[in-house]
């Protein structure tokens, strides 16, 4: 995993630092482990809150805390099995692999079994509890099994994804499938035994107040639907058409943007600009960025990148902006607002450069997916460099007028002006 790799790098840094020449220091300024730790902490908190909410809803709906705990006991078992499988198959814990686990799907089978047992007791079944448990399980074991298997089948096509998409989404499907299989085995083997032990002294009761109120309101609606099938199917079809229309108007993106706690601004100057001129402008850029109270540190990299697939000229600079905790922000309350404010100041005070904004991990992901450091790129091919440059300017001018388009700029064609002197 990335954490293990970073831990090995951190362990090797002291030895590397001792071998450097005098006056040369090695000071890491960015580590993705910070973002990973924050993300995993967020997922962990959300999982704990989700489990608590499931238990609370079960208590309110079922009305028996013993039955709610029996149903919810599948959650830690399914999570433990899923994490054991992740370790066995080399799947890392991340936002997609753990964040996609749905406790509603996990407790579904156990809920059906326990609910059927409660219904048996409410009907006044005189058989002993063990017989009631066996009978309840046998009645619903087939539909429960088929329901979970159908959900698993939905995720099977994701396992066939290749490339970047496969590396990102296959772990999610694998984790969910392992959790669902564990919940299916648990609800068939363990839930009947636990229910027989935990509910033997639980009194039989009817609907809770919430369920009784919902049932009173639901019954007239069902009776009306039975008496008026035409309007019911017509309204359903109209809602379906409306949903299809709205679906065609929704935007789309590969993955939602994640707030990384750091920004990257790429500044591009004229290809003919000398290195001292570029460095002086970059220094002014860093001074402007440091004026904002939200900025903790700024580190700039000018010239050819260390990554062979990401060449840069001396007129290009990547400035990594590390932000303070959002609770200390005063310029804007959101990252989008902060970027807008900083970008406006930079463009006003440094008209010699073009600026485009991204985030460290997002920039690399965009570069891997499309070969450029942006989410959308327009490629124009042809043998005439002058014509390509002209068309690039025209396309950029047209795209600048599109709502939602930001940081639109043509990429340089790689040509540099020079003076040839014959002596």
Protein backbone atom coordinates (compact mmCIF):
# COMPACT_ATOMS: atom_id res chain seq x y z
CA UNK A 1 0.00 0.00 0.00
CA UNK A 2 1.01 3.64 -0.29
CA UNK A 3 1.31 3.96 3.49
CA UNK A 4 3.83 1.11 3.64
CA UNK A 5 5.83 2.66 0.79
CA UNK A 6 5.87 6.08 2.44
CA UNK A 7 6.90 4.53 5.76
CA UNK A 8 9.87 2.87 4.02
CA UNK A 9 10.82 6.17 2.38
CA UNK A 10 10.68 8.02 5.71
CA UNK A 11 12.89 5.36 7.29
CA UNK A 12 15.47 5.75 4.51
CA UNK A 13 15.58 9.58 4.56
CA UNK A 14 18.04 9.95 7.49
CA UNK A 15 20.59 7.73 5.76
CA UNK A 16 20.19 9.64 2.49
CA UNK A 17 20.54 12.98 4.29
CA UNK A 18 23.86 11.90 5.87
CA UNK A 19 25.29 11.11 2.44
CA UNK A 20 24.54 14.55 0.98
CA UNK A 21 27.30 17.15 0.46
CA UNK A 22 27.80 19.85 3.06
CA UNK A 23 25.21 22.59 2.83
CA UNK A 24 22.63 20.39 1.07
CA UNK A 25 19.55 19.45 3.09
CA UNK A 26 16.69 17.07 2.45
CA UNK A 27 13.37 18.44 3.67
CA UNK A 28 10.14 16.77 2.42
CA UNK A 29 7.41 19.36 1.90
CA UNK A 30 4.49 17.19 0.77
CA UNK A 31 3.31 13.71 1.73
CA UNK A 32 0.12 12.09 0.52
CA UNK A 33 -0.09 10.17 3.79
CA UNK A 34 -1.63 13.28 5.39
CA UNK A 35 -4.55 13.16 2.95
CA UNK A 36 -4.79 9.36 3.33
CA UNK A 37 -4.95 9.61 7.13
CA UNK A 38 -7.66 12.29 7.00
CA UNK A 39 -9.68 10.30 4.48
CA UNK A 40 -9.49 7.05 6.46
CA UNK A 41 -10.46 8.92 9.64
CA UNK A 42 -13.50 10.36 7.85
CA UNK A 43 -14.52 6.90 6.59
CA UNK A 44 -14.05 5.42 10.05
CA UNK A 45 -16.24 8.11 11.66
CA UNK A 46 -18.91 7.67 8.98
CA UNK A 47 -18.96 3.89 9.46
CA UNK A 48 -19.38 4.27 13.21
CA UNK A 49 -22.14 6.86 12.76
CA UNK A 50 -23.85 4.68 10.15
CA UNK A 51 -23.86 1.67 12.47
CA UNK A 52 -25.32 3.76 15.30
CA UNK A 53 -28.04 5.13 13.02
CA UNK A 54 -28.94 1.62 11.84
CA UNK A 55 -29.37 0.45 15.43
CA UNK A 56 -31.45 3.52 16.31
CA UNK A 57 -33.75 3.06 13.29
CA UNK A 58 -34.20 -0.64 14.05
CA UNK A 59 -35.17 0.12 17.66
CA UNK A 60 -37.69 2.74 16.54
CA UNK A 61 -39.23 0.56 13.82
CA UNK A 62 -39.15 -2.84 15.53
CA UNK A 63 -39.69 -1.62 19.08
CA UNK A 64 -37.43 -4.23 20.68
CA UNK A 65 -33.84 -3.39 21.50
CA UNK A 66 -32.93 -7.07 21.76
CA UNK A 67 -34.12 -7.76 18.23
CA UNK A 68 -32.36 -4.60 16.98
CA UNK A 69 -29.05 -5.72 18.47
CA UNK A 70 -29.46 -9.21 17.01
CA UNK A 71 -29.95 -7.70 13.56
CA UNK A 72 -27.13 -5.18 13.95
CA UNK A 73 -24.70 -7.85 15.14
CA UNK A 74 -24.11 -8.72 11.49
CA UNK A 75 -22.35 -5.37 10.91
CA UNK A 76 -19.09 -6.03 12.83
CA UNK A 77 -18.96 -9.60 11.50
CA UNK A 78 -19.35 -8.47 7.88
CA UNK A 79 -16.80 -5.68 8.32
CA UNK A 80 -14.29 -8.06 9.92
CA UNK A 81 -14.70 -10.58 7.09
CA UNK A 82 -14.44 -7.86 4.45
CA UNK A 83 -11.24 -6.46 5.97
CA UNK A 84 -9.76 -9.95 6.28
CA UNK A 85 -10.53 -10.51 2.61
CA UNK A 86 -9.02 -7.12 1.72
CA UNK A 87 -5.79 -8.09 3.43
CA UNK A 88 -5.80 -11.51 1.76
CA UNK A 89 -6.30 -10.07 -1.74
CA UNK A 90 -4.07 -7.02 -1.25
CA UNK A 91 -6.84 -4.41 -1.28
CA UNK A 92 -5.97 -1.19 0.52
CA UNK A 93 -8.36 0.63 2.84
CA UNK A 94 -9.41 3.81 1.07
CA UNK A 95 -12.36 6.09 0.43
CA UNK A 96 -13.84 3.88 -2.28
CA UNK A 97 -13.21 0.42 -0.83
CA UNK A 98 -14.58 1.19 2.66
CA UNK A 99 -16.76 4.22 2.00
CA UNK A 100 -19.03 2.29 -0.37
CA UNK A 101 -20.11 -0.26 2.25
CA UNK A 102 -23.86 0.09 2.80
CA UNK A 103 -25.07 -1.11 6.19
CA UNK A 104 -28.62 -1.15 4.87
CA UNK A 105 -27.72 -3.94 2.45
CA UNK A 106 -25.68 -5.78 5.07
CA UNK A 107 -28.47 -5.99 7.67
CA UNK A 108 -31.20 -6.71 5.12
CA UNK A 109 -31.09 -10.53 5.40
CA UNK A 110 -30.93 -10.55 9.20
CA UNK A 111 -33.77 -8.04 9.35
CA UNK A 112 -36.06 -10.25 7.25
CA UNK A 113 -35.34 -13.33 9.40
CA UNK A 114 -35.87 -11.58 12.74
CA UNK A 115 -38.97 -9.75 11.46
CA UNK A 116 -40.48 -13.06 10.35
CA UNK A 117 -39.78 -14.53 13.77
CA UNK A 118 -41.46 -11.55 15.47
CA UNK A 119 -44.46 -11.96 13.15
CA UNK A 120 -44.75 -15.63 14.17
CA UNK A 121 -44.85 -14.66 17.83
CA UNK A 122 -47.40 -11.90 17.23
CA UNK A 123 -49.73 -14.41 15.56
CA UNK A 124 -49.74 -16.43 18.79
CA UNK A 125 -47.70 -19.40 17.57
CA UNK A 126 -47.80 -21.94 20.43
CA UNK A 127 -44.69 -23.86 19.37
CA UNK A 128 -41.53 -23.47 21.41
CA UNK A 129 -39.14 -20.67 20.44
CA UNK A 130 -36.59 -23.01 18.85
CA UNK A 131 -39.22 -24.43 16.51
CA UNK A 132 -40.44 -20.93 15.68
CA UNK A 133 -36.90 -19.84 14.82
CA UNK A 134 -36.30 -22.81 12.52
CA UNK A 135 -39.67 -22.34 10.83
CA UNK A 136 -39.08 -18.61 10.36
CA UNK A 137 -35.66 -19.17 8.79
CA UNK A 138 -36.86 -21.89 6.43
CA UNK A 139 -39.69 -19.69 5.17
CA UNK A 140 -37.46 -16.78 4.11
CA UNK A 141 -34.05 -18.33 3.50
CA UNK A 142 -34.62 -18.67 -0.26
CA UNK A 143 -35.82 -15.09 -0.96
CA UNK A 144 -33.14 -13.68 1.35
CA UNK A 145 -30.42 -15.63 -0.44
CA UNK A 146 -31.68 -14.65 -3.89
CA UNK A 147 -32.00 -10.98 -2.88
CA UNK A 148 -28.38 -10.76 -1.71
CA UNK A 149 -27.11 -12.70 -4.74
CA UNK A 150 -28.95 -10.31 -7.06
CA UNK A 151 -27.23 -7.35 -5.38
CA UNK A 152 -23.87 -9.10 -5.79
CA UNK A 153 -24.56 -9.66 -9.49
CA UNK A 154 -24.98 -5.90 -9.94
CA UNK A 155 -21.33 -5.42 -8.90
CA UNK A 156 -19.88 -8.23 -11.02
CA UNK A 157 -19.44 -6.10 -14.20
CA UNK A 158 -17.25 -3.69 -12.22
CA UNK A 159 -14.76 -6.53 -11.70
CA UNK A 160 -14.12 -6.53 -15.47
CA UNK A 161 -12.94 -2.91 -15.59
CA UNK A 162 -9.34 -2.38 -16.70
CA UNK A 163 -6.79 0.43 -16.51
CA UNK A 164 -7.26 3.39 -14.18
CA UNK A 165 -11.00 2.72 -13.85
CA UNK A 166 -10.35 -0.87 -12.78
CA UNK A 167 -7.73 0.08 -10.21
CA UNK A 168 -10.10 2.61 -8.68
CA UNK A 169 -13.45 0.79 -8.70
CA UNK A 170 -12.60 -2.93 -8.56
CA UNK A 171 -11.60 -2.72 -4.86
CA UNK A 172 -15.00 -1.17 -4.11
CA UNK A 173 -16.88 -4.02 -5.79
CA UNK A 174 -14.67 -6.67 -4.20
CA UNK A 175 -15.14 -5.23 -0.71
CA UNK A 176 -18.93 -4.96 -1.05
CA UNK A 177 -19.19 -8.51 -2.45
CA UNK A 178 -17.14 -9.93 0.44
CA UNK A 179 -19.23 -8.02 3.00
CA UNK A 180 -22.51 -9.21 1.43
CA UNK A 181 -21.38 -12.86 1.30
CA UNK A 182 -20.33 -12.65 4.95
CA UNK A 183 -23.71 -11.13 5.90
CA UNK A 184 -25.54 -13.89 4.00
CA UNK A 185 -23.62 -16.63 5.83
CA UNK A 186 -24.11 -14.87 9.17
CA UNK A 187 -27.87 -14.40 8.79
CA UNK A 188 -28.32 -18.07 7.86
CA UNK A 189 -26.06 -19.60 10.51
CA UNK A 190 -25.62 -17.20 13.42
CA UNK A 191 -28.75 -15.02 13.51
CA UNK A 192 -31.15 -17.94 14.22
CA UNK A 193 -29.01 -19.11 17.14
CA UNK A 194 -28.57 -15.60 18.59
CA UNK A 195 -32.28 -14.85 18.13
CA UNK A 196 -33.26 -18.07 19.95
CA UNK A 197 -31.07 -17.09 22.89
CA UNK A 198 -31.74 -13.34 23.00
CA UNK A 199 -35.50 -13.31 22.33
CA UNK A 200 -36.66 -16.22 24.48
CA UNK A 201 -37.71 -13.87 27.30
CA UNK A 202 -38.71 -10.94 25.07
CA UNK A 203 -42.46 -10.24 25.22
CA UNK A 204 -44.47 -10.35 21.99
CA UNK A 205 -45.84 -6.96 20.97
CA UNK A 206 -47.58 -5.33 18.05
CA UNK A 207 -46.61 -2.41 15.88
CA UNK A 208 -44.70 0.49 17.34
CA UNK A 209 -46.35 3.90 17.37
CA UNK A 210 -44.41 5.00 14.31
CA UNK A 211 -45.31 1.88 12.31
CA UNK A 212 -48.94 2.06 13.44
CA UNK A 213 -49.21 5.70 12.31
CA UNK A 214 -47.59 4.92 8.95
CA UNK A 215 -49.88 1.89 8.50
CA UNK A 216 -52.99 4.02 9.11
CA UNK A 217 -51.88 6.48 6.44
CA UNK A 218 -50.68 3.80 4.05
CA UNK A 219 -53.82 1.66 4.03
CA UNK A 220 -56.13 4.28 2.42
CA UNK A 221 -53.48 4.94 -0.24
CA UNK A 222 -53.31 1.24 -1.11
CA UNK A 223 -57.11 0.96 -1.27
CA UNK A 224 -57.29 4.01 -3.55
CA UNK A 225 -54.63 2.51 -5.84
CA UNK A 226 -56.58 -0.75 -6.11
CA UNK A 227 -59.73 1.15 -7.03
CA UNK A 228 -58.02 3.49 -9.54
CA UNK A 229 -55.31 1.53 -11.41
CA UNK A 230 -55.42 3.79 -14.48
CA UNK A 231 -54.44 7.06 -12.77
CA UNK A 232 -51.93 5.17 -10.62
CA UNK A 233 -50.07 3.69 -13.59
CA UNK A 234 -50.35 6.97 -15.49
CA UNK A 235 -48.81 8.95 -12.64
CA UNK A 236 -46.06 6.34 -12.26
CA UNK A 237 -45.23 6.52 -15.96
CA UNK A 238 -45.21 10.34 -15.85
CA UNK A 239 -42.78 10.31 -12.93
CA UNK A 240 -40.59 7.86 -14.86
CA UNK A 241 -40.52 10.14 -17.92
CA UNK A 242 -39.71 13.12 -15.72
CA UNK A 243 -36.83 11.22 -14.10
CA UNK A 244 -35.46 10.27 -17.54
CA UNK A 245 -35.65 13.92 -18.65
CA UNK A 246 -33.86 15.12 -15.50
CA UNK A 247 -31.23 12.39 -15.87
CA UNK A 248 -30.27 13.72 -19.31
CA UNK A 249 -29.69 17.17 -17.77
CA UNK A 250 -27.37 15.98 -15.01
CA UNK A 251 -23.66 16.70 -15.23
CA UNK A 252 -21.08 13.96 -15.03
CA UNK A 253 -17.49 13.50 -13.94
CA UNK A 254 -15.08 10.62 -13.44
CA UNK A 255 -14.92 10.97 -9.64
CA UNK A 256 -16.18 13.74 -7.32
CA UNK A 257 -13.62 16.37 -6.42
CA UNK A 258 -11.97 15.69 -3.07
CA UNK A 259 -10.74 18.53 -0.87
CA UNK A 260 -7.08 17.60 -0.39
CA UNK A 261 -6.13 20.44 1.96
CA UNK A 262 -3.59 21.71 -0.60
CA UNK A 263 -3.70 23.49 -3.95
CA UNK A 264 -1.47 23.59 -7.01
CA UNK A 265 -1.37 26.64 -9.24
CA UNK A 266 0.45 26.24 -12.55
CA UNK A 267 1.73 29.55 -13.90
CA UNK A 268 2.82 29.80 -17.54
CA UNK A 269 4.79 32.72 -18.91
CA UNK A 270 6.07 33.59 -22.38
CA UNK A 271 8.43 30.92 -23.75
CA UNK A 272 10.99 33.65 -24.48
CA UNK A 273 11.16 34.76 -20.83
CA UNK A 274 14.60 34.32 -19.30
CA UNK A 275 15.09 32.22 -16.19
CA UNK A 276 15.95 35.21 -13.92
CA UNK A 277 12.80 37.00 -15.12
CA UNK A 278 10.66 33.92 -14.43
CA UNK A 279 12.19 33.40 -10.98
CA UNK A 280 11.60 37.04 -10.05
CA UNK A 281 7.95 36.73 -11.10
CA UNK A 282 7.60 33.45 -9.16
CA UNK A 283 9.00 35.16 -6.05
CA UNK A 284 6.38 37.90 -6.41
CA UNK A 285 3.73 35.18 -6.83
CA UNK A 286 4.81 33.46 -3.61
CA UNK A 287 4.77 36.76 -1.71
CA UNK A 288 1.21 37.43 -2.89
CA UNK A 289 0.08 33.94 -1.89
CA UNK A 290 1.59 34.28 1.60
CA UNK A 291 -0.51 37.40 2.23
CA UNK A 292 -3.62 35.26 2.48
CA UNK A 293 -4.16 34.09 6.08
CA UNK A 294 -5.39 30.70 4.86
CA UNK A 295 -2.00 29.83 3.33
CA UNK A 296 0.48 28.00 5.55
CA UNK A 297 3.34 27.26 3.14
CA UNK A 298 4.15 27.77 -0.54
CA UNK A 299 6.73 25.68 -2.44
CA UNK A 300 7.40 26.33 -6.14
CA UNK A 301 9.03 24.15 -8.78
CA UNK A 302 10.19 25.91 -11.94
CA UNK A 303 11.52 24.17 -15.03
CA UNK A 304 11.72 20.56 -16.11
CA UNK A 305 9.82 18.24 -13.82
CA UNK A 306 11.44 15.21 -12.22
CA UNK A 307 8.74 13.05 -13.83
CA UNK A 308 9.72 12.13 -17.42
CA UNK A 309 6.10 12.00 -18.58
CA UNK A 310 5.45 15.56 -17.37
CA UNK A 311 7.97 17.84 -19.15
CA UNK A 312 8.05 21.52 -18.24
CA UNK A 313 9.91 24.46 -19.69
CA UNK A 314 11.63 27.16 -17.64
CA UNK A 315 8.61 29.37 -18.29
CA UNK A 316 6.32 26.99 -16.35
CA UNK A 317 6.01 26.78 -12.57
CA UNK A 318 4.07 24.53 -10.23
CA UNK A 319 3.38 26.23 -6.87
CA UNK A 320 2.18 23.91 -4.10
CA UNK A 321 -0.02 25.85 -1.66
CA UNK A 322 -0.56 24.17 1.71
CA UNK A 323 -3.64 25.45 3.50
CA UNK A 324 -4.41 25.84 7.18
CA UNK A 325 -7.38 24.18 8.83
CA UNK A 326 -10.68 25.47 7.32
CA UNK A 327 -11.73 26.73 10.76
CA UNK A 328 -9.03 29.43 10.39
CA UNK A 329 -10.16 30.65 6.95
CA UNK A 330 -11.33 34.26 6.70
CA UNK A 331 -11.13 35.14 3.00
CA UNK A 332 -13.77 32.54 2.01
CA UNK A 333 -15.61 29.69 3.66
CA UNK A 334 -15.11 27.22 0.79
CA UNK A 335 -12.11 26.10 -1.23
CA UNK A 336 -13.78 27.26 -4.45
CA UNK A 337 -14.27 30.73 -3.02
CA UNK A 338 -10.69 30.85 -1.81
CA UNK A 339 -9.34 29.85 -5.23
CA UNK A 340 -11.49 32.53 -6.89
CA UNK A 341 -10.19 35.23 -4.54
CA UNK A 342 -6.52 34.23 -4.89
CA UNK A 343 -6.79 33.88 -8.66
CA UNK A 344 -8.26 37.37 -9.01
CA UNK A 345 -5.38 38.94 -7.06
CA UNK A 346 -2.74 37.00 -9.00
CA UNK A 347 -4.19 37.97 -12.39
CA UNK A 348 -4.44 41.64 -11.37
CA UNK A 349 -0.90 41.91 -9.98
CA UNK A 350 0.92 39.49 -12.31
CA UNK A 351 -0.44 40.07 -15.82
CA UNK A 352 2.64 38.40 -17.35
CA UNK A 353 1.43 34.88 -16.47
CA UNK A 354 -1.52 32.58 -17.03
CA UNK A 355 -2.76 30.60 -14.03
CA UNK A 356 -4.55 27.27 -13.83
CA UNK A 357 -5.64 25.61 -10.58
CA UNK A 358 -5.77 22.04 -9.38
CA UNK A 359 -4.80 19.89 -6.39
CA UNK A 360 -1.70 17.67 -6.04
CA UNK A 361 -3.40 14.28 -6.37
CA UNK A 362 -6.09 15.54 -8.74
CA UNK A 363 -3.45 17.00 -11.07
CA UNK A 364 -1.64 13.66 -11.31
CA UNK A 365 -4.92 11.79 -11.85
CA UNK A 366 -5.90 14.15 -14.68
CA UNK A 367 -2.45 13.73 -16.20
CA UNK A 368 -2.74 9.93 -16.08
CA UNK A 369 -6.25 9.90 -17.56
CA UNK A 370 -5.88 12.42 -20.38
CA UNK A 371 -2.20 13.35 -20.61
CA UNK A 372 -2.87 16.93 -19.51
CA UNK A 373 -3.29 18.54 -16.10
CA UNK A 374 -6.95 19.29 -16.47
CA UNK A 375 -10.28 17.49 -16.52
CA UNK A 376 -11.19 18.41 -20.11
CA UNK A 377 -8.82 18.91 -23.03
CA UNK A 378 -9.35 19.63 -26.73
CA UNK A 379 -6.67 18.19 -29.03
CA UNK A 380 -6.11 19.61 -32.55
CA UNK A 381 -3.86 17.76 -34.99
CA UNK A 382 -2.14 19.00 -38.13
CA UNK A 383 1.25 19.62 -39.78
CA UNK A 384 1.21 23.45 -39.68
CA UNK A 385 2.32 24.84 -36.27
CA UNK A 386 1.17 28.38 -37.08
CA UNK A 387 -2.29 27.13 -38.03
CA UNK A 388 -2.45 24.95 -34.89
CA UNK A 389 -1.53 27.94 -32.72
CA UNK A 390 -4.22 30.08 -34.36
CA UNK A 391 -6.87 27.39 -34.01
CA UNK A 392 -5.88 26.84 -30.39
CA UNK A 393 -6.45 30.54 -29.62
CA UNK A 394 -9.84 30.44 -31.37
CA UNK A 395 -10.94 27.32 -29.45
CA UNK A 396 -9.82 28.85 -26.14
CA UNK A 397 -11.75 32.04 -26.88
CA UNK A 398 -14.89 30.03 -27.69
CA UNK A 399 -14.61 27.82 -24.59
CA UNK A 400 -14.09 30.82 -22.30
CA UNK A 401 -17.70 31.76 -23.00
CA UNK A 402 -19.06 28.38 -21.86
CA UNK A 403 -20.73 28.55 -18.41
CA UNK A 404 -18.70 26.57 -15.88
CA UNK A 405 -15.47 26.66 -17.88
CA UNK A 406 -12.51 28.01 -15.89
CA UNK A 407 -8.77 28.42 -16.50
CA UNK A 408 -9.16 27.92 -20.26
CA UNK A 409 -5.84 28.48 -22.04
CA UNK A 410 -4.08 27.01 -25.08
CA UNK A 411 -1.00 24.94 -24.35
CA UNK A 412 2.26 26.13 -25.86
CA UNK A 413 3.36 24.56 -29.15
CA UNK A 414 6.92 24.07 -27.92
CA UNK A 415 8.52 26.63 -30.25
CA UNK A 416 11.01 29.23 -28.95
CA UNK A 417 12.15 32.44 -30.66
CA UNK A 418 15.90 32.69 -31.31
CA UNK A 419 18.42 34.91 -33.08
CA UNK A 420 20.85 33.22 -35.48
CA UNK A 421 24.10 35.16 -35.88
CA UNK A 422 26.71 34.23 -38.49
CA UNK A 423 30.22 35.42 -37.69
